[in-house]
Amino acid sequence: MHMPETIVEELELDEIDEPVKDIQSEKLLSELVRTILRMRRNRLDERLDEILYVQNSMTEVSEENSSLYKDLVTQQILIRKRIDDALHSSLSPGKGENRSMV
């Protein structure tokens, strides 16, 4: 069966365009992941600032409340470290395939 030249040319172009589309999709996905991680980190920083403000504004902080604040701040810092690690790994070339979401 003979196919017209234009159809053959279109098929060849589609084969070339497919890897380009995959690369563009991968770059877009990578950028979206980094953006989401940055947004989460910014919100976490805001939350830490709020916790520290409340703790500093209290005139008398009981031992129990002080311990709760310290635990909350520690928890937020650990989450921020996970986000920072994920951001770092998403920016490193060749390490994007095996990433897990935070």
Protein backbone atom coordinates (compact mmCIF):
# COMPACT_ATOMS: atom_id res chain seq x y z
CA MET A 1 0.00 0.00 0.00
CA HIS A 2 1.35 3.39 -0.98
CA MET A 3 0.85 6.36 1.35
CA PRO A 4 1.00 9.95 0.11
CA GLU A 5 4.17 11.89 0.98
CA THR A 6 2.35 14.38 3.22
CA ILE A 7 1.00 11.61 5.45
CA VAL A 8 4.46 10.05 5.75
CA GLU A 9 5.96 13.44 6.59
CA GLU A 10 3.28 14.10 9.25
CA LEU A 11 3.89 10.71 10.83
CA GLU A 12 7.62 11.41 10.97
CA LEU A 13 7.00 14.85 12.52
CA ASP A 14 4.68 13.33 15.13
CA GLU A 15 7.41 10.88 16.09
CA ILE A 16 9.86 13.78 16.55
CA ASP A 17 7.37 15.98 18.43
CA GLU A 18 6.47 13.28 20.99
CA PRO A 19 9.82 13.34 22.90
CA VAL A 20 9.72 17.15 22.88
CA LYS A 21 6.20 17.10 24.36
CA ASP A 22 7.37 14.61 27.02
CA ILE A 23 10.30 16.84 27.97
CA GLN A 24 8.07 19.92 28.13
CA SER A 25 5.53 18.05 30.29
CA GLU A 26 8.29 16.83 32.60
CA LYS A 27 9.68 20.37 32.96
CA LEU A 28 6.21 21.74 33.67
CA LEU A 29 5.54 19.07 36.29
CA SER A 30 8.91 19.72 37.91
CA GLU A 31 8.22 23.46 38.05
CA LEU A 32 4.76 22.85 39.53
CA VAL A 33 6.23 20.63 42.25
CA ARG A 34 8.85 23.26 43.13
CA THR A 35 6.18 25.99 43.21
CA ILE A 36 3.94 23.96 45.51
CA LEU A 37 6.87 23.18 47.81
CA ARG A 38 7.83 26.86 47.96
CA MET A 39 4.23 27.81 48.80
CA ARG A 40 4.11 25.19 51.55
CA ARG A 41 7.41 26.43 52.96
CA ASN A 42 6.23 30.06 52.93
CA ARG A 43 3.05 29.09 54.78
CA LEU A 44 5.08 27.11 57.28
CA ASP A 45 7.37 30.09 57.90
CA GLU A 46 4.31 32.25 58.52
CA ARG A 47 2.97 29.69 60.98
CA LEU A 48 6.29 29.62 62.84
CA ASP A 49 6.29 33.41 63.05
CA GLU A 50 2.77 33.34 64.49
CA ILE A 51 3.71 30.73 67.10
CA LEU A 52 6.77 32.70 68.17
CA TYR A 53 4.77 35.93 68.32
CA VAL A 54 2.13 34.38 70.56
CA GLN A 55 4.78 32.85 72.77
CA ASN A 56 6.65 36.16 73.10
CA SER A 57 3.51 38.20 73.70
CA MET A 58 2.36 36.14 76.67
CA THR A 59 3.45 37.78 79.90
CA GLU A 60 3.38 34.64 82.00
CA VAL A 61 4.02 31.40 80.23
CA SER A 62 3.46 28.33 82.32
CA GLU A 63 5.86 25.41 82.07
CA GLU A 64 3.18 23.32 80.35
CA ASN A 65 2.41 25.99 77.73
CA SER A 66 6.10 26.59 77.16
CA SER A 67 6.60 22.89 76.51
CA LEU A 68 3.66 22.84 74.07
CA TYR A 69 5.07 25.79 72.15
CA LYS A 70 8.50 24.18 71.96
CA ASP A 71 6.98 20.94 70.67
CA LEU A 72 4.94 22.81 68.08
CA VAL A 73 7.95 24.80 66.88
CA THR A 74 10.07 21.64 66.71
CA GLN A 75 7.38 19.89 64.66
CA GLN A 76 7.14 22.84 62.25
CA ILE A 77 10.93 22.98 61.85
CA LEU A 78 11.04 19.26 61.02
CA ILE A 79 8.34 19.73 58.38
CA ARG A 80 10.26 22.70 56.95
CA LYS A 81 13.40 20.54 56.71
CA ARG A 82 11.46 17.90 54.74
CA ILE A 83 10.20 20.60 52.37
CA ASP A 84 13.70 22.05 51.99
CA ASP A 85 15.09 18.57 51.26
CA ALA A 86 12.37 17.99 48.65
CA LEU A 87 13.08 21.38 47.06
CA HIS A 88 16.79 20.61 46.98
CA SER A 89 16.26 17.21 45.38
CA SER A 90 13.85 18.66 42.81
CA LEU A 91 16.47 21.22 41.79
CA SER A 92 19.27 18.65 41.49
CA PRO A 93 19.59 17.28 37.95
CA GLY A 94 18.93 13.57 37.53
CA LYS A 95 17.29 13.07 40.90
CA GLY A 96 13.72 13.94 39.90
CA GLU A 97 12.54 10.46 38.92
CA ASN A 98 12.35 8.97 42.42
CA ARG A 99 10.92 11.89 44.35
CA SER A 100 8.18 11.57 46.93
CA MET A 101 5.73 14.32 47.81
CA VAL A 102 5.95 15.90 51.25
